[in-house]
């Protein structure tokens, strides 16, 4: 029986653009969160593998799906998550939703509109935030702001990695109508530097994504768990900084990721800001609310 973990890229939870089960989160939640992360990371690496065929990828994703639901015990990542969820009496729904996105990664290489990209994010990113909220016993009323943050993080990643995704996987998340509106072409993603039309498209999408991220600004205040609120504030600060970089830089030729010093600085800034807001009872208004 094929072991899905054989196709892991080697990327771990400390290599992501955002904290995963960091020290901020209460220790009682970390084992479950890491089990979820390892399941999702394994599936993601399978979908993104450069040498596996499409049918092989889909078969492996189906195997993870089946074993998460208790139909077999050969895949450690699926079994570990299944047991961890059962111990907490939680449904596997969010992990199953993420598998839908990875199947899309195998079968869908182009997106026509922004709405299609958001639909992809509904399965690739939003379930992760919903899972975290469920782990902490938060209300589903927090899902809207969480969905906006998770989609914004995902689109940041799409813009950061647009050249690599095209060159390595022939996968393009940039909406076709946005490329056409700027006079850009998909093929320009293979260049070492973005052509002016492509750069205009990328930066306009970053501006649009900044609006989406603004919709998530009050999420940290909506959650009851203090530690989770701190973690969200840190993640929000990362996302906001990255989208600001994407608005002015070329992801094909310039750095649009945070370096270790920036990660530390924005982590401390996010922790301090959320602590002050919680202690004072004052919350920052989103741009949309401030302009209303």
Protein backbone atom coordinates (compact mmCIF):
# COMPACT_ATOMS: atom_id res chain seq x y z
CA UNK A 1 0.00 0.00 0.00
CA UNK A 2 1.38 3.44 -0.95
CA UNK A 3 2.22 5.65 1.99
CA UNK A 4 1.08 9.21 1.35
CA UNK A 5 3.79 10.60 3.61
CA UNK A 6 6.40 9.43 1.09
CA UNK A 7 5.38 12.38 -1.09
CA UNK A 8 5.87 15.04 1.57
CA UNK A 9 7.98 18.00 0.47
CA UNK A 10 9.80 18.24 3.77
CA UNK A 11 8.00 21.46 4.66
CA UNK A 12 6.86 21.56 8.27
CA UNK A 13 4.68 23.72 10.47
CA UNK A 14 7.58 26.05 11.29
CA UNK A 15 8.11 26.79 7.58
CA UNK A 16 4.74 28.43 6.92
CA UNK A 17 4.06 32.15 6.40
CA UNK A 18 1.92 32.12 9.54
CA UNK A 19 2.19 30.52 12.99
CA UNK A 20 0.91 26.96 13.35
CA UNK A 21 0.22 25.65 16.87
CA UNK A 22 2.65 28.24 18.21
CA UNK A 23 3.44 28.74 21.89
CA UNK A 24 0.63 31.30 21.98
CA UNK A 25 -2.01 28.57 21.62
CA UNK A 26 -2.89 26.66 24.80
CA UNK A 27 -0.92 23.38 25.02
CA UNK A 28 -4.13 21.33 25.27
CA UNK A 29 -4.96 22.22 21.66
CA UNK A 30 -1.58 21.77 20.01
CA UNK A 31 -1.63 18.00 19.40
CA UNK A 32 -4.95 18.21 17.57
CA UNK A 33 -3.87 21.25 15.56
CA UNK A 34 -0.62 19.55 14.54
CA UNK A 35 -2.51 16.39 13.54
CA UNK A 36 -4.75 18.55 11.34
CA UNK A 37 -1.74 20.40 9.93
CA UNK A 38 0.15 17.19 9.08
CA UNK A 39 -2.91 15.76 7.32
CA UNK A 40 -3.44 18.92 5.30
CA UNK A 41 0.26 19.41 4.53
CA UNK A 42 0.56 15.82 3.28
CA UNK A 43 -2.45 16.26 1.00
CA UNK A 44 -1.17 19.63 -0.21
CA UNK A 45 2.26 18.21 -1.03
CA UNK A 46 0.64 15.38 -2.99
CA UNK A 47 -1.44 17.82 -5.04
CA UNK A 48 1.64 19.98 -5.71
CA UNK A 49 4.06 17.16 -6.46
CA UNK A 50 5.87 17.78 -9.73
CA UNK A 51 6.35 14.16 -10.82
CA UNK A 52 3.20 12.39 -9.64
CA UNK A 53 0.56 11.94 -12.33
CA UNK A 54 -2.91 13.38 -11.94
CA UNK A 55 -4.58 10.01 -11.44
CA UNK A 56 -2.00 9.04 -8.83
CA UNK A 57 -2.59 12.26 -6.95
CA UNK A 58 -6.35 11.80 -6.95
CA UNK A 59 -6.02 8.19 -5.78
CA UNK A 60 -3.81 9.23 -2.86
CA UNK A 61 -6.19 12.04 -1.89
CA UNK A 62 -9.10 9.60 -2.02
CA UNK A 63 -7.14 7.22 0.20
CA UNK A 64 -6.56 9.95 2.79
CA UNK A 65 -10.26 10.85 2.61
CA UNK A 66 -11.34 7.22 3.13
CA UNK A 67 -9.04 6.58 6.05
CA UNK A 68 -10.00 9.81 7.76
CA UNK A 69 -13.51 8.40 7.71
CA UNK A 70 -12.33 5.12 9.23
CA UNK A 71 -12.02 3.01 6.08
CA UNK A 72 -8.52 1.70 6.70
CA UNK A 73 -5.50 2.31 8.88
CA UNK A 74 -2.54 2.47 6.51
CA UNK A 75 -2.07 6.26 6.38
CA UNK A 76 -0.63 7.67 9.59
CA UNK A 77 -1.70 11.25 8.93
CA UNK A 78 -5.32 10.25 8.39
CA UNK A 79 -5.42 7.85 11.34
CA UNK A 80 -3.78 10.33 13.71
CA UNK A 81 -6.23 13.08 12.81
CA UNK A 82 -9.20 10.70 12.98
CA UNK A 83 -8.25 9.63 16.50
CA UNK A 84 -7.50 13.19 17.63
CA UNK A 85 -10.86 14.42 16.35
CA UNK A 86 -12.69 11.49 17.94
CA UNK A 87 -11.07 12.23 21.29
CA UNK A 88 -12.56 15.72 21.16
CA UNK A 89 -15.87 14.63 19.64
CA UNK A 90 -15.24 16.75 16.53
CA UNK A 91 -16.30 16.15 12.94
CA UNK A 92 -13.77 15.70 10.12
CA UNK A 93 -15.78 18.11 7.95
CA UNK A 94 -13.10 20.81 7.70
CA UNK A 95 -10.35 18.38 6.70
CA UNK A 96 -12.67 16.83 4.11
CA UNK A 97 -13.41 20.29 2.72
CA UNK A 98 -9.70 20.99 2.28
CA UNK A 99 -9.36 17.78 0.25
CA UNK A 100 -11.89 19.23 -2.21
CA UNK A 101 -9.48 22.10 -2.88
CA UNK A 102 -6.54 19.76 -3.41
CA UNK A 103 -8.55 17.76 -5.92
CA UNK A 104 -9.26 21.06 -7.66
CA UNK A 105 -5.52 21.73 -7.74
CA UNK A 106 -5.08 18.51 -9.68
CA UNK A 107 -7.91 19.07 -12.16
CA UNK A 108 -8.28 22.86 -12.50
CA UNK A 109 -5.31 24.89 -13.70
CA UNK A 110 -6.98 28.21 -14.60
CA UNK A 111 -9.49 30.56 -12.96
CA UNK A 112 -11.74 32.90 -14.92
CA UNK A 113 -12.84 35.42 -12.28
CA UNK A 114 -12.19 36.66 -8.75
CA UNK A 115 -15.32 34.82 -7.63
CA UNK A 116 -13.85 31.53 -8.88
CA UNK A 117 -10.72 32.19 -6.84
CA UNK A 118 -12.83 32.90 -3.75
CA UNK A 119 -14.70 29.65 -4.38
CA UNK A 120 -11.36 27.85 -4.34
CA UNK A 121 -10.47 29.63 -1.09
CA UNK A 122 -13.76 28.39 0.37
CA UNK A 123 -12.21 24.92 0.35
CA UNK A 124 -8.46 25.57 0.48
CA UNK A 125 -8.28 28.16 3.25
CA UNK A 126 -11.57 28.93 4.99
CA UNK A 127 -11.93 25.43 6.52
CA UNK A 128 -8.60 25.91 8.30
CA UNK A 129 -9.84 28.98 10.13
CA UNK A 130 -13.18 27.34 10.89
CA UNK A 131 -11.35 24.33 12.29
CA UNK A 132 -9.29 26.54 14.60
CA UNK A 133 -12.42 28.29 15.82
CA UNK A 134 -14.15 24.96 16.45
CA UNK A 135 -11.14 23.66 18.37
CA UNK A 136 -11.48 26.63 20.71
CA UNK A 137 -15.25 26.31 21.02
CA UNK A 138 -15.94 29.63 19.30
CA UNK A 139 -19.29 30.60 17.80
CA UNK A 140 -19.98 30.14 14.09
CA UNK A 141 -20.75 33.88 14.08
CA UNK A 142 -16.97 34.35 13.87
CA UNK A 143 -16.76 32.46 10.60
CA UNK A 144 -17.38 35.44 8.30
CA UNK A 145 -14.39 37.43 9.53
CA UNK A 146 -12.29 34.25 9.69
CA UNK A 147 -13.21 33.37 6.11
CA UNK A 148 -12.05 36.81 4.97
CA UNK A 149 -8.71 36.46 6.77
CA UNK A 150 -8.09 32.93 5.48
CA UNK A 151 -8.99 33.84 1.91
CA UNK A 152 -6.75 36.90 2.14
CA UNK A 153 -3.86 34.77 3.34
CA UNK A 154 -4.44 32.33 0.49
CA UNK A 155 -4.55 35.05 -2.16
CA UNK A 156 -1.40 36.63 -0.72
CA UNK A 157 0.23 33.24 -1.23
CA UNK A 158 -1.13 32.99 -4.78
CA UNK A 159 0.42 36.36 -5.62
CA UNK A 160 3.72 35.59 -3.88
CA UNK A 161 4.15 32.27 -5.68
CA UNK A 162 2.51 33.06 -9.04
CA UNK A 163 5.71 32.58 -11.02
CA UNK A 164 6.69 29.32 -9.30
CA UNK A 165 3.16 27.90 -9.62
CA UNK A 166 3.16 28.59 -13.36
CA UNK A 167 6.68 27.35 -14.06
CA UNK A 168 6.52 24.20 -11.91
CA UNK A 169 2.86 23.16 -12.14
CA UNK A 170 1.34 25.16 -15.02
CA UNK A 171 -1.13 26.38 -12.42
CA UNK A 172 -2.44 29.96 -12.49
CA UNK A 173 -4.68 31.35 -9.76
CA UNK A 174 -4.71 34.86 -11.22
CA UNK A 175 -8.19 35.44 -12.71
CA UNK A 176 -8.14 35.41 -16.49
CA UNK A 177 -10.39 38.48 -16.67
CA UNK A 178 -7.95 40.45 -14.49
CA UNK A 179 -5.04 39.50 -16.75
CA UNK A 180 -7.00 40.53 -19.82
CA UNK A 181 -8.08 43.83 -18.27
CA UNK A 182 -4.42 44.75 -17.74
CA UNK A 183 -3.32 43.48 -21.15
CA UNK A 184 -1.19 40.78 -19.51
CA UNK A 185 -0.73 37.16 -20.53
CA UNK A 186 -0.26 33.93 -18.60
CA UNK A 187 3.04 33.32 -20.39
CA UNK A 188 4.53 36.45 -18.79
CA UNK A 189 4.52 34.58 -15.47
CA UNK A 190 7.45 32.54 -16.78
CA UNK A 191 9.71 35.59 -17.09
CA UNK A 192 12.36 36.61 -14.56
CA UNK A 193 10.73 40.00 -14.14
CA UNK A 194 7.09 41.00 -14.50
CA UNK A 195 6.21 42.92 -17.63
CA UNK A 196 4.49 46.26 -16.92
CA UNK A 197 1.04 44.90 -17.81
CA UNK A 198 1.49 41.85 -15.57
CA UNK A 199 2.82 43.99 -12.71
CA UNK A 200 -0.25 46.21 -13.02
CA UNK A 201 -2.47 43.14 -12.79
CA UNK A 202 -0.63 41.69 -9.79
CA UNK A 203 -0.67 44.95 -7.88
CA UNK A 204 -4.34 45.59 -8.64
CA UNK A 205 -5.16 42.15 -7.26
CA UNK A 206 -3.13 42.98 -4.14
CA UNK A 207 -5.21 46.14 -3.70
CA UNK A 208 -8.38 44.08 -4.01
CA UNK A 209 -7.04 41.57 -1.52
CA UNK A 210 -6.26 44.34 0.94
CA UNK A 211 -9.96 45.20 0.92
CA UNK A 212 -10.75 41.56 1.68
CA UNK A 213 -8.26 41.50 4.56
CA UNK A 214 -9.87 44.63 5.96
CA UNK A 215 -13.06 42.61 6.42
CA UNK A 216 -11.24 40.37 8.89
CA UNK A 217 -9.90 43.12 11.13
CA UNK A 218 -12.38 42.53 13.97
CA UNK A 219 -11.95 38.75 14.13
CA UNK A 220 -9.51 38.86 17.05
CA UNK A 221 -12.09 40.80 19.07
CA UNK A 222 -14.90 38.43 18.17
CA UNK A 223 -13.24 35.34 19.63
CA UNK A 224 -13.54 34.70 23.35
CA UNK A 225 -10.31 32.76 23.82
CA UNK A 226 -7.55 35.22 24.77
CA UNK A 227 -4.69 33.12 23.36
CA UNK A 228 -6.50 32.54 20.08
CA UNK A 229 -7.16 36.27 19.85
CA UNK A 230 -3.44 36.91 20.21
CA UNK A 231 -2.61 34.34 17.53
CA UNK A 232 -5.13 35.87 15.14
CA UNK A 233 -3.71 39.34 15.74
CA UNK A 234 -0.22 38.08 14.85
CA UNK A 235 -1.48 36.38 11.69
CA UNK A 236 -3.40 39.52 10.71
CA UNK A 237 -0.26 41.62 11.10
CA UNK A 238 1.67 39.22 8.84
CA UNK A 239 -1.06 39.29 6.21
CA UNK A 240 -1.31 43.07 6.25
CA UNK A 241 2.44 43.53 5.84
CA UNK A 242 2.65 41.01 2.99
CA UNK A 243 -0.21 42.59 1.06
CA UNK A 244 1.50 45.99 1.42
CA UNK A 245 4.65 44.49 -0.10
CA UNK A 246 2.63 42.97 -2.93
CA UNK A 247 1.10 46.37 -3.74
CA UNK A 248 4.50 47.86 -4.57
CA UNK A 249 6.83 44.98 -5.45
CA UNK A 250 7.25 42.50 -8.29
CA UNK A 251 6.87 38.94 -6.92
CA UNK A 252 8.77 37.55 -9.91
CA UNK A 253 11.95 39.48 -9.11
CA UNK A 254 11.64 41.00 -5.64
CA UNK A 255 11.22 39.67 -2.11
CA UNK A 256 7.58 39.54 -1.04
CA UNK A 257 8.01 37.26 1.98
CA UNK A 258 8.81 38.29 5.54
CA UNK A 259 12.33 37.66 6.80
CA UNK A 260 12.97 36.33 10.35
CA UNK A 261 13.47 39.81 11.80
CA UNK A 262 10.21 41.03 10.29
CA UNK A 263 8.39 37.92 11.50
CA UNK A 264 9.58 38.58 15.04
CA UNK A 265 8.78 42.28 14.87
CA UNK A 266 5.27 41.79 13.54
CA UNK A 267 4.64 38.97 16.01
CA UNK A 268 5.53 41.23 18.91
CA UNK A 269 3.53 44.08 17.43
CA UNK A 270 0.46 41.89 16.96
CA UNK A 271 0.73 40.51 20.50
CA UNK A 272 1.11 43.97 22.01
CA UNK A 273 -1.76 45.48 20.02
CA UNK A 274 -4.21 42.72 20.86
CA UNK A 275 -3.23 42.71 24.53
CA UNK A 276 -3.81 46.45 24.76
CA UNK A 277 -7.15 46.19 22.96
CA UNK A 278 -8.31 43.40 25.24
CA UNK A 279 -7.25 45.19 28.41
CA UNK A 280 -8.68 48.54 27.37
CA UNK A 281 -11.83 47.18 25.78
CA UNK A 282 -11.23 49.37 22.70
CA UNK A 283 -11.12 47.90 19.22
CA UNK A 284 -9.72 49.35 16.00
CA UNK A 285 -12.36 50.01 13.36
CA UNK A 286 -11.96 48.47 9.95
CA UNK A 287 -11.40 50.89 7.07
CA UNK A 288 -14.85 50.14 5.72
CA UNK A 289 -16.45 50.84 9.10
CA UNK A 290 -14.40 53.98 9.59
CA UNK A 291 -15.54 55.29 6.22
CA UNK A 292 -19.21 54.46 6.78
